[in-house]
């Protein structure tokens, strides 16, 4: 029996969770700030989540997957109706959007794109650590992470001791399946996976309760609110790859957005007063085409949107330099263009939450790449 990478990844749960960055003793006497990253894997359609208002060309290009009902954000942008909790936070001035942004990846491969969104690099498979892991290491945060996915997300690699694994479900995979996975992946020199499997086999596991997004988020909020608990949580929500039957108000993409929205709701409830010291950001590998395809879906695209929430948001606003959706304004004549490197948003968030100088993050986490310091524009000090 052989198992390939795609089949293996399909065996992971649709929603998973990872904690890291446990508080140092000094944090017990001051406000501990938290960073939550929600990876929306498959390519989140920023034009579906935050559609442009009043663009007749856009409506024509998506005649069968247009939204019939939307939630108003600004005079120029609306919000998908599935994002009710995001809208509540928006009304409370604790949610915002950065539109027309993307990581510096212009290809259309999920594997390459997801590698780069987590590594923060500019070449697929070149980096072996993640931008968040490197940022945590720079901030001097300990590991002892709690991973709810297998293998350890690349995003968080790079800080010591982030190797604990707890399954979402009530038991580990059978030993026979673990052996098959290890044997197959060893052919591709997957050293990190082999080490993770070894850790799993030798752990006395305390099982994590629940399997759905809300349950995971409720537990995450409780742990993040502990002054000596983790400072970082990473969620993964899958199935944004809607090549067919994407849907409008309802459908596959709407279901994925609802799952993200339920995570927000549960985090807000369980974080309590520490919500004011928390940032919650989305991360995705690319957007989707402006025009619907013959299967009433969309193909892999480029520009998308970053959804931001939490008490550290400066104000509710749709940020970004809107490039337009006319044919000549599209990336390669088909996609929303990107006018901001999304890594600028993530570097600014780490600068705010980890209390690090932006230039240090730019130099040591993103190798001196040209990034914009958006800290003061987007977040509270």
Protein backbone atom coordinates (compact mmCIF):
# COMPACT_ATOMS: atom_id res chain seq x y z
CA UNK A 1 0.00 0.00 0.00
CA UNK A 2 1.34 3.45 -0.95
CA UNK A 3 0.10 6.82 0.19
CA UNK A 4 1.00 10.03 -1.59
CA UNK A 5 1.36 13.51 -0.13
CA UNK A 6 -2.04 14.74 -1.34
CA UNK A 7 -3.88 11.67 0.04
CA UNK A 8 -2.09 12.00 3.35
CA UNK A 9 -2.99 15.65 3.70
CA UNK A 10 -6.61 14.77 3.02
CA UNK A 11 -6.62 12.54 6.11
CA UNK A 12 -6.05 15.54 8.40
CA UNK A 13 -9.08 17.19 9.96
CA UNK A 14 -10.71 20.12 8.19
CA UNK A 15 -9.95 22.33 11.16
CA UNK A 16 -6.85 21.96 13.25
CA UNK A 17 -5.11 23.99 15.91
CA UNK A 18 -1.61 24.65 17.18
CA UNK A 19 -0.43 26.54 20.27
CA UNK A 20 3.05 27.89 20.92
CA UNK A 21 5.03 30.61 22.62
CA UNK A 22 4.31 30.00 26.27
CA UNK A 23 4.67 33.08 28.44
CA UNK A 24 7.94 33.81 30.11
CA UNK A 25 7.77 34.59 33.86
CA UNK A 26 8.08 38.33 33.20
CA UNK A 27 4.82 38.33 31.30
CA UNK A 28 2.84 37.48 34.44
CA UNK A 29 3.28 41.04 35.72
CA UNK A 30 2.28 42.86 32.51
CA UNK A 31 -0.28 42.60 29.75
CA UNK A 32 0.46 39.53 27.65
CA UNK A 33 -0.39 40.09 24.00
CA UNK A 34 -1.55 37.19 21.83
CA UNK A 35 -1.31 36.47 18.12
CA UNK A 36 -3.71 34.06 16.39
CA UNK A 37 -3.17 33.09 12.75
CA UNK A 38 -5.96 31.29 10.90
CA UNK A 39 -4.68 29.59 7.76
CA UNK A 40 -7.41 29.41 5.12
CA UNK A 41 -6.03 26.67 2.90
CA UNK A 42 -7.10 26.18 -0.68
CA UNK A 43 -7.07 29.82 -1.74
CA UNK A 44 -9.62 32.06 -0.02
CA UNK A 45 -11.61 34.17 -2.47
CA UNK A 46 -11.15 37.72 -1.18
CA UNK A 47 -13.71 38.97 -3.70
CA UNK A 48 -16.28 36.60 -2.24
CA UNK A 49 -15.50 37.42 1.39
CA UNK A 50 -15.26 41.19 0.83
CA UNK A 51 -16.86 42.03 -2.55
CA UNK A 52 -16.54 45.39 -4.24
CA UNK A 53 -19.81 47.33 -4.28
CA UNK A 54 -21.42 48.69 -7.42
CA UNK A 55 -18.98 47.22 -9.96
CA UNK A 56 -21.19 46.15 -12.88
CA UNK A 57 -18.35 44.32 -14.60
CA UNK A 58 -17.72 42.23 -11.49
CA UNK A 59 -21.39 41.27 -11.25
CA UNK A 60 -21.40 40.25 -14.91
CA UNK A 61 -18.31 38.09 -14.54
CA UNK A 62 -19.90 36.25 -11.60
CA UNK A 63 -23.51 36.15 -12.68
CA UNK A 64 -24.19 32.72 -11.14
CA UNK A 65 -22.21 33.03 -7.92
CA UNK A 66 -23.00 36.60 -6.97
CA UNK A 67 -24.10 37.34 -3.41
CA UNK A 68 -27.78 38.20 -3.12
CA UNK A 69 -27.51 39.54 0.41
CA UNK A 70 -24.45 41.24 1.83
CA UNK A 71 -23.44 43.00 5.03
CA UNK A 72 -22.38 46.59 4.43
CA UNK A 73 -18.88 47.60 5.50
CA UNK A 74 -18.16 50.85 3.68
CA UNK A 75 -19.45 52.84 0.72
CA UNK A 76 -17.19 50.72 -1.51
CA UNK A 77 -17.12 47.25 0.05
CA UNK A 78 -19.56 44.71 1.44
CA UNK A 79 -19.11 41.57 3.51
CA UNK A 80 -20.22 38.00 2.87
CA UNK A 81 -23.36 37.19 4.91
CA UNK A 82 -21.64 34.16 6.46
CA UNK A 83 -19.32 36.51 8.36
CA UNK A 84 -21.86 37.65 10.94
CA UNK A 85 -19.48 37.58 13.89
CA UNK A 86 -16.81 39.42 11.92
CA UNK A 87 -19.44 42.10 11.20
CA UNK A 88 -20.26 42.33 14.92
CA UNK A 89 -16.59 42.90 15.67
CA UNK A 90 -16.43 45.44 12.84
CA UNK A 91 -19.29 47.37 14.42
CA UNK A 92 -17.34 47.31 17.70
CA UNK A 93 -14.26 48.73 15.94
CA UNK A 94 -12.30 45.51 16.48
CA UNK A 95 -12.14 44.12 12.94
CA UNK A 96 -10.70 45.35 9.67
CA UNK A 97 -9.71 44.17 6.20
CA UNK A 98 -6.61 44.58 4.06
CA UNK A 99 -7.72 44.06 0.46
CA UNK A 100 -5.81 43.47 -2.76
CA UNK A 101 -2.88 41.82 -1.04
CA UNK A 102 -0.98 38.56 -1.46
CA UNK A 103 2.20 36.78 -0.51
CA UNK A 104 4.94 37.12 -3.17
CA UNK A 105 3.86 34.00 -5.05
CA UNK A 106 2.47 34.31 -8.57
CA UNK A 107 2.18 30.64 -9.42
CA UNK A 108 -0.93 28.53 -9.06
CA UNK A 109 0.21 25.46 -7.13
CA UNK A 110 -1.32 24.80 -3.72
CA UNK A 111 1.80 23.05 -2.47
CA UNK A 112 4.16 25.80 -3.58
CA UNK A 113 1.81 28.55 -2.40
CA UNK A 114 1.21 27.01 1.01
CA UNK A 115 4.91 26.43 1.50
CA UNK A 116 5.61 30.09 0.78
CA UNK A 117 2.73 31.46 2.84
CA UNK A 118 4.12 29.60 5.85
CA UNK A 119 7.85 30.05 5.23
CA UNK A 120 7.59 33.72 4.30
CA UNK A 121 10.11 33.12 1.54
CA UNK A 122 10.14 34.05 -2.12
CA UNK A 123 11.15 30.67 -3.57
CA UNK A 124 9.11 27.49 -2.95
CA UNK A 125 10.70 24.87 -0.67
CA UNK A 126 13.83 26.96 -0.06
CA UNK A 127 13.16 27.73 3.62
CA UNK A 128 12.88 25.08 6.32
CA UNK A 129 11.40 27.33 9.02
CA UNK A 130 8.29 29.49 9.19
CA UNK A 131 8.02 33.27 9.51
CA UNK A 132 6.03 32.95 12.73
CA UNK A 133 8.52 30.50 14.23
CA UNK A 134 11.40 32.82 13.37
CA UNK A 135 9.52 35.76 14.84
CA UNK A 136 8.89 33.87 18.07
CA UNK A 137 12.55 32.92 18.28
CA UNK A 138 13.55 36.54 17.81
CA UNK A 139 11.17 37.48 20.64
CA UNK A 140 12.74 34.87 22.92
CA UNK A 141 9.54 32.85 23.28
CA UNK A 142 9.73 29.26 24.43
CA UNK A 143 8.15 26.45 22.51
CA UNK A 144 6.43 23.55 24.23
CA UNK A 145 3.76 23.97 21.60
CA UNK A 146 0.54 22.05 21.32
CA UNK A 147 0.00 20.92 17.75
CA UNK A 148 -3.39 19.82 16.48
CA UNK A 149 -2.19 18.79 13.04
CA UNK A 150 0.36 16.41 11.57
CA UNK A 151 3.08 17.12 10.65
CA UNK A 152 4.07 20.24 12.59
CA UNK A 153 3.00 23.27 10.50
CA UNK A 154 5.95 24.86 8.72
CA UNK A 155 4.61 28.25 9.81
CA UNK A 156 5.63 27.62 13.42
CA UNK A 157 8.91 25.80 12.86
CA UNK A 158 12.07 27.58 13.84
CA UNK A 159 11.56 28.05 17.58
CA UNK A 160 12.87 25.35 19.97
CA UNK A 161 10.63 22.75 21.63
CA UNK A 162 7.62 23.13 19.35
CA UNK A 163 7.20 19.40 18.94
CA UNK A 164 4.26 18.33 21.08
CA UNK A 165 1.43 16.66 19.22
CA UNK A 166 -2.12 16.05 20.35
CA UNK A 167 -4.67 14.56 17.94
CA UNK A 168 -7.97 16.27 17.28
CA UNK A 169 -9.81 12.98 17.49
CA UNK A 170 -10.05 10.76 20.56
CA UNK A 171 -7.21 8.41 19.60
CA UNK A 172 -4.04 8.15 17.56
CA UNK A 173 -3.95 6.60 14.10
CA UNK A 174 -3.28 2.87 14.18
CA UNK A 175 0.39 1.92 14.45
CA UNK A 176 0.18 0.18 11.08
CA UNK A 177 -0.92 3.44 9.41
CA UNK A 178 1.86 5.39 11.12
CA UNK A 179 4.39 2.84 9.81
CA UNK A 180 3.02 3.17 6.26
CA UNK A 181 3.18 6.97 6.41
CA UNK A 182 6.72 6.98 7.78
CA UNK A 183 7.96 4.45 5.23
CA UNK A 184 6.42 6.35 2.32
CA UNK A 185 7.53 9.83 3.35
CA UNK A 186 11.06 8.68 4.17
CA UNK A 187 11.49 8.13 0.43
CA UNK A 188 11.26 11.91 0.07
CA UNK A 189 13.67 12.62 2.94
CA UNK A 190 10.88 13.86 5.21
CA UNK A 191 13.11 13.97 8.29
CA UNK A 192 10.78 16.30 10.21
CA UNK A 193 7.83 13.96 9.71
CA UNK A 194 9.86 10.96 10.86
CA UNK A 195 10.89 12.80 14.02
CA UNK A 196 7.30 13.87 14.68
CA UNK A 197 6.03 10.31 14.30
CA UNK A 198 8.69 9.13 16.73
CA UNK A 199 7.51 11.72 19.26
CA UNK A 200 3.89 10.61 18.83
CA UNK A 201 4.70 6.94 19.43
CA UNK A 202 6.51 7.71 22.65
CA UNK A 203 4.10 10.17 24.24
CA UNK A 204 1.64 9.59 27.04
CA UNK A 205 -1.11 11.63 25.41
CA UNK A 206 -3.84 13.58 27.14
CA UNK A 207 -6.50 13.81 24.50
CA UNK A 208 -7.84 17.15 23.43
CA UNK A 209 -11.64 17.33 23.67
CA UNK A 210 -13.76 17.92 20.60
CA UNK A 211 -13.29 17.98 16.86
CA UNK A 212 -15.05 21.08 15.57
CA UNK A 213 -13.83 24.62 15.10
CA UNK A 214 -15.85 26.15 17.93
CA UNK A 215 -14.67 23.62 20.51
CA UNK A 216 -11.04 24.10 19.51
CA UNK A 217 -11.38 27.88 19.60
CA UNK A 218 -13.05 27.87 23.01
CA UNK A 219 -10.17 25.87 24.44
CA UNK A 220 -7.64 28.06 22.64
CA UNK A 221 -9.14 31.21 24.11
CA UNK A 222 -8.97 29.81 27.64
CA UNK A 223 -5.30 28.91 27.26
CA UNK A 224 -4.38 32.20 25.59
CA UNK A 225 -6.07 34.14 28.38
CA UNK A 226 -3.79 32.51 30.97
CA UNK A 227 -1.01 35.00 31.89
CA UNK A 228 1.49 32.13 31.75
CA UNK A 229 -0.16 30.31 28.87
CA UNK A 230 0.67 30.33 25.15
CA UNK A 231 0.92 33.60 23.25
CA UNK A 232 0.41 32.16 19.80
CA UNK A 233 -2.29 29.95 18.30
CA UNK A 234 -2.51 28.74 14.71
CA UNK A 235 -5.71 27.35 13.22
CA UNK A 236 -6.07 25.64 9.87
CA UNK A 237 -9.35 25.69 7.94
CA UNK A 238 -9.35 23.76 4.67
CA UNK A 239 -11.46 23.34 1.52
CA UNK A 240 -11.36 26.87 0.05
CA UNK A 241 -10.35 25.34 -3.30
CA UNK A 242 -13.74 25.87 -4.97
CA UNK A 243 -13.26 24.95 -8.63
CA UNK A 244 -16.92 23.99 -8.94
CA UNK A 245 -20.18 24.84 -7.18
CA UNK A 246 -18.55 27.63 -5.18
CA UNK A 247 -21.93 29.08 -4.33
CA UNK A 248 -22.92 32.59 -3.37
CA UNK A 249 -24.70 33.25 -0.09
CA UNK A 250 -24.63 29.49 0.49
CA UNK A 251 -22.37 26.73 -0.77
CA UNK A 252 -18.85 25.44 -0.27
CA UNK A 253 -17.07 28.76 0.08
CA UNK A 254 -19.76 30.08 2.39
CA UNK A 255 -19.38 27.01 4.60
CA UNK A 256 -15.64 27.63 4.90
CA UNK A 257 -16.21 31.28 5.79
CA UNK A 258 -18.76 30.24 8.41
CA UNK A 259 -16.18 27.95 9.97
CA UNK A 260 -13.71 30.83 10.19
CA UNK A 261 -16.48 33.03 11.60
CA UNK A 262 -17.30 30.47 14.31
CA UNK A 263 -13.66 30.45 15.35
CA UNK A 264 -13.87 34.23 15.79
CA UNK A 265 -17.04 33.94 17.87
CA UNK A 266 -15.60 31.28 20.16
CA UNK A 267 -12.31 33.11 20.60
CA UNK A 268 -14.10 36.34 21.50
CA UNK A 269 -16.19 34.50 24.10
CA UNK A 270 -13.36 32.51 25.68
CA UNK A 271 -10.64 35.17 25.62
CA UNK A 272 -12.71 37.40 27.87
CA UNK A 273 -10.88 40.60 28.81
CA UNK A 274 -7.70 39.41 27.06
CA UNK A 275 -9.44 39.89 23.71
CA UNK A 276 -8.33 43.52 23.96
CA UNK A 277 -4.70 42.33 23.83
CA UNK A 278 -5.15 39.91 20.93
CA UNK A 279 -4.69 40.03 17.16
CA UNK A 280 -6.37 37.47 14.88
CA UNK A 281 -5.17 37.36 11.25
CA UNK A 282 -5.94 35.18 8.23
CA UNK A 283 -3.35 33.64 5.94
CA UNK A 284 -3.99 32.02 2.54
CA UNK A 285 -1.81 30.98 -0.40
CA UNK A 286 -3.58 32.98 -3.11
CA UNK A 287 -6.95 34.34 -4.21
CA UNK A 288 -9.20 33.17 -7.01
CA UNK A 289 -10.06 34.28 -10.52
CA UNK A 290 -12.41 37.22 -10.95
CA UNK A 291 -14.45 35.37 -13.56
CA UNK A 292 -16.44 32.25 -12.70
CA UNK A 293 -15.73 29.10 -14.70
CA UNK A 294 -18.13 26.75 -16.47
CA UNK A 295 -18.70 24.77 -13.28
CA UNK A 296 -19.86 27.84 -11.36
CA UNK A 297 -16.59 27.89 -9.45
CA UNK A 298 -13.36 29.84 -9.67
CA UNK A 299 -9.79 28.91 -10.50
CA UNK A 300 -6.54 29.62 -8.67
CA UNK A 301 -5.83 33.34 -8.66
CA UNK A 302 -3.52 35.93 -7.12
CA UNK A 303 -4.75 38.90 -5.07
CA UNK A 304 -6.98 38.27 -2.05
CA UNK A 305 -7.83 39.84 1.31
CA UNK A 306 -6.48 39.52 4.85
CA UNK A 307 -9.17 39.56 7.54
CA UNK A 308 -8.03 41.04 10.86
CA UNK A 309 -9.76 41.09 14.25
CA UNK A 310 -9.06 41.60 17.93
CA UNK A 311 -8.73 44.37 20.47
CA UNK A 312 -5.38 45.45 19.04
CA UNK A 313 -7.03 46.56 15.79
CA UNK A 314 -6.74 50.36 15.55
CA UNK A 315 -10.09 50.89 13.85
CA UNK A 316 -12.55 49.22 11.49
CA UNK A 317 -11.45 50.03 7.97
CA UNK A 318 -10.90 48.43 4.58
CA UNK A 319 -7.22 49.13 3.92
CA UNK A 320 -5.42 48.83 0.63
CA UNK A 321 -4.81 50.48 -2.72
CA UNK A 322 -7.67 49.10 -4.84
CA UNK A 323 -6.31 48.19 -8.30
CA UNK A 324 -9.66 47.88 -10.08
CA UNK A 325 -11.28 45.00 -11.94
CA UNK A 326 -11.16 46.17 -15.54
CA UNK A 327 -9.42 43.76 -17.88
CA UNK A 328 -6.27 45.90 -18.14
CA UNK A 329 -6.11 46.19 -14.33
CA UNK A 330 -6.16 42.46 -13.63
CA UNK A 331 -3.10 40.34 -12.94
CA UNK A 332 -2.40 38.35 -16.13
CA UNK A 333 -5.78 39.53 -17.36
CA UNK A 334 -7.69 37.27 -14.97
CA UNK A 335 -7.00 37.93 -11.26
CA UNK A 336 -7.39 40.66 -8.70
CA UNK A 337 -3.99 42.30 -8.54
CA UNK A 338 -1.98 42.68 -5.34
CA UNK A 339 -0.85 46.14 -4.29
CA UNK A 340 0.65 45.14 -0.91
CA UNK A 341 2.98 42.34 0.12
CA UNK A 342 1.00 40.48 2.79
CA UNK A 343 4.23 39.88 4.70
CA UNK A 344 4.18 43.58 5.60
CA UNK A 345 0.96 42.92 7.53
CA UNK A 346 2.38 39.88 9.33
CA UNK A 347 5.67 41.61 10.16
CA UNK A 348 3.73 44.58 11.54
CA UNK A 349 1.54 42.27 13.61
CA UNK A 350 4.56 40.52 15.13
CA UNK A 351 6.17 43.88 15.84
CA UNK A 352 3.03 44.90 17.74
CA UNK A 353 2.37 41.66 19.62
CA UNK A 354 5.97 40.65 20.36
CA UNK A 355 7.11 44.24 21.09
CA UNK A 356 9.92 44.00 18.55
CA UNK A 357 11.35 46.71 16.33
CA UNK A 358 9.91 46.34 12.83
CA UNK A 359 13.32 46.67 11.21
CA UNK A 360 14.64 43.76 13.30
CA UNK A 361 11.78 41.58 12.06
CA UNK A 362 12.34 42.75 8.50
CA UNK A 363 16.04 41.89 8.73
CA UNK A 364 16.03 38.69 10.80
CA UNK A 365 12.70 37.12 9.87
CA UNK A 366 12.26 38.25 6.24
CA UNK A 367 15.96 38.56 5.27
CA UNK A 368 15.84 42.29 4.66
CA UNK A 369 13.17 42.08 1.93
CA UNK A 370 11.44 45.37 1.17
CA UNK A 371 8.37 45.57 3.40
CA UNK A 372 6.14 48.40 4.59
CA UNK A 373 5.83 49.12 8.30
CA UNK A 374 2.06 49.19 8.81
CA UNK A 375 2.15 48.85 12.60
CA UNK A 376 0.90 52.33 13.44
CA UNK A 377 -1.64 52.31 10.62
CA UNK A 378 -3.26 48.98 11.46
CA UNK A 379 -2.69 48.21 15.14
CA UNK A 380 -2.63 49.71 18.60
CA UNK A 381 0.69 49.96 20.36
